[in-house]
């Protein structure tokens, strides 16, 4: 399973996961994706066969729902919450790496969505 970390997640998280043998990219380290609207990130993840990791439920949940209603394929999404993974905490990056590493080690795919909350 290949991941694409949305812009709120630091490239260091992607690097730590790559160091553990996973195929992970971060929007923040990809000049072709930086600053693009969520619809473009959603489309890029679909085109690349990546699972999006985001805290942005407000924008991505409707994108997935619209694609589902239209019968279009869409990328799976792993949702995080600021409550469970507060970005202001220095420990969050390490905790998210451990959680994603564990998920990647035990699952080959995610059908539509997965929640870390």
Protein backbone atom coordinates (compact mmCIF):
# COMPACT_ATOMS: atom_id res chain seq x y z
CA UNK A 1 0.00 0.00 0.00
CA UNK A 2 1.38 3.38 -1.04
CA UNK A 3 0.57 6.49 1.02
CA UNK A 4 0.31 10.18 0.27
CA UNK A 5 0.46 12.38 3.38
CA UNK A 6 -1.67 15.49 3.05
CA UNK A 7 -0.06 18.89 3.51
CA UNK A 8 -0.62 19.09 7.27
CA UNK A 9 1.81 16.18 7.82
CA UNK A 10 5.55 16.84 7.72
CA UNK A 11 7.84 15.21 5.17
CA UNK A 12 9.81 13.80 8.13
CA UNK A 13 6.91 11.41 8.75
CA UNK A 14 7.09 10.19 5.15
CA UNK A 15 10.86 9.78 5.45
CA UNK A 16 10.58 7.81 8.69
CA UNK A 17 8.09 5.47 7.02
CA UNK A 18 10.32 5.11 3.96
CA UNK A 19 13.17 4.24 6.32
CA UNK A 20 10.94 1.40 7.55
CA UNK A 21 10.49 0.13 4.00
CA UNK A 22 7.17 1.72 3.04
CA UNK A 23 6.35 3.67 -0.11
CA UNK A 24 5.23 7.05 1.21
CA UNK A 25 5.24 10.57 -0.21
CA UNK A 26 4.22 13.83 1.41
CA UNK A 27 2.47 16.67 -0.39
CA UNK A 28 4.87 19.05 1.39
CA UNK A 29 7.87 17.44 -0.34
CA UNK A 30 6.32 17.32 -3.81
CA UNK A 31 6.56 20.62 -5.70
CA UNK A 32 4.03 19.31 -8.23
CA UNK A 33 1.42 18.99 -5.45
CA UNK A 34 2.26 21.84 -3.06
CA UNK A 35 -0.46 24.44 -2.77
CA UNK A 36 -2.95 22.57 -4.94
CA UNK A 37 -6.61 22.32 -3.93
CA UNK A 38 -7.81 19.15 -2.25
CA UNK A 39 -9.55 18.03 -5.43
CA UNK A 40 -6.19 17.94 -7.21
CA UNK A 41 -4.53 16.02 -4.36
CA UNK A 42 -7.46 13.59 -4.42
CA UNK A 43 -7.05 13.09 -8.18
CA UNK A 44 -3.26 12.71 -7.92
CA UNK A 45 -3.60 10.06 -5.23
CA UNK A 46 -6.08 8.18 -7.41
CA UNK A 47 -3.82 8.40 -10.46
CA UNK A 48 -0.80 7.18 -8.47
CA UNK A 49 -2.65 4.43 -6.61
CA UNK A 50 -1.97 6.03 -3.23
CA UNK A 51 -3.96 6.12 -0.01
CA UNK A 52 -4.38 9.67 1.32
CA UNK A 53 -3.54 10.32 4.99
CA UNK A 54 -5.30 13.49 6.13
CA UNK A 55 -6.91 15.26 9.03
CA UNK A 56 -9.07 17.20 6.58
CA UNK A 57 -12.32 15.27 6.95
CA UNK A 58 -14.41 18.32 6.02
CA UNK A 59 -13.05 18.40 2.46
CA UNK A 60 -12.11 14.80 1.71
CA UNK A 61 -15.22 13.02 2.97
CA UNK A 62 -17.47 14.90 0.49
CA UNK A 63 -14.98 14.26 -2.34
CA UNK A 64 -15.13 10.52 -1.66
CA UNK A 65 -18.92 10.59 -1.29
CA UNK A 66 -19.34 12.47 -4.59
CA UNK A 67 -17.09 9.98 -6.39
CA UNK A 68 -18.98 7.05 -4.87
CA UNK A 69 -22.38 8.47 -5.89
CA UNK A 70 -21.10 9.03 -9.43
CA UNK A 71 -19.73 5.50 -9.62
CA UNK A 72 -16.16 6.75 -10.05
CA UNK A 73 -13.10 5.15 -8.50
CA UNK A 74 -11.49 7.18 -5.75
CA UNK A 75 -8.46 6.80 -3.51
CA UNK A 76 -8.85 5.23 -0.07
CA UNK A 77 -8.40 7.68 2.78
CA UNK A 78 -6.91 7.32 6.25
CA UNK A 79 -8.41 9.99 8.47
CA UNK A 80 -6.62 11.28 11.53
CA UNK A 81 -7.93 13.67 14.17
CA UNK A 82 -6.25 16.52 15.96
CA UNK A 83 -7.56 15.05 19.20
CA UNK A 84 -5.71 11.76 18.72
CA UNK A 85 -2.72 13.21 16.83
CA UNK A 86 -2.38 16.86 17.85
CA UNK A 87 -0.05 18.62 15.43
CA UNK A 88 1.09 21.00 18.17
CA UNK A 89 2.66 18.12 20.11
CA UNK A 90 6.26 17.15 19.38
CA UNK A 91 5.40 13.49 20.06
CA UNK A 92 2.68 13.29 17.42
CA UNK A 93 4.98 12.63 14.45
CA UNK A 94 6.54 9.61 16.16
CA UNK A 95 3.17 8.30 17.28
CA UNK A 96 1.74 8.67 13.77
CA UNK A 97 4.75 6.89 12.27
CA UNK A 98 4.24 3.96 14.67
CA UNK A 99 0.49 3.81 13.93
CA UNK A 100 0.94 3.96 10.15
CA UNK A 101 3.83 1.48 10.23
CA UNK A 102 1.66 -0.95 12.18
CA UNK A 103 -1.24 -0.51 9.77
CA UNK A 104 1.00 -0.98 6.74
CA UNK A 105 2.54 -4.09 8.29
CA UNK A 106 -0.83 -5.73 8.92
CA UNK A 107 -3.00 -4.61 5.99
CA UNK A 108 -2.43 -4.87 2.27
CA UNK A 109 -5.28 -2.58 1.30
CA UNK A 110 -7.91 -0.18 2.59
CA UNK A 111 -11.19 -0.39 0.72
CA UNK A 112 -12.50 3.14 1.20
CA UNK A 113 -11.57 4.67 4.54
CA UNK A 114 -9.84 4.01 7.83
CA UNK A 115 -10.00 6.17 10.95
CA UNK A 116 -7.24 6.86 13.47
CA UNK A 117 -9.20 8.63 16.21
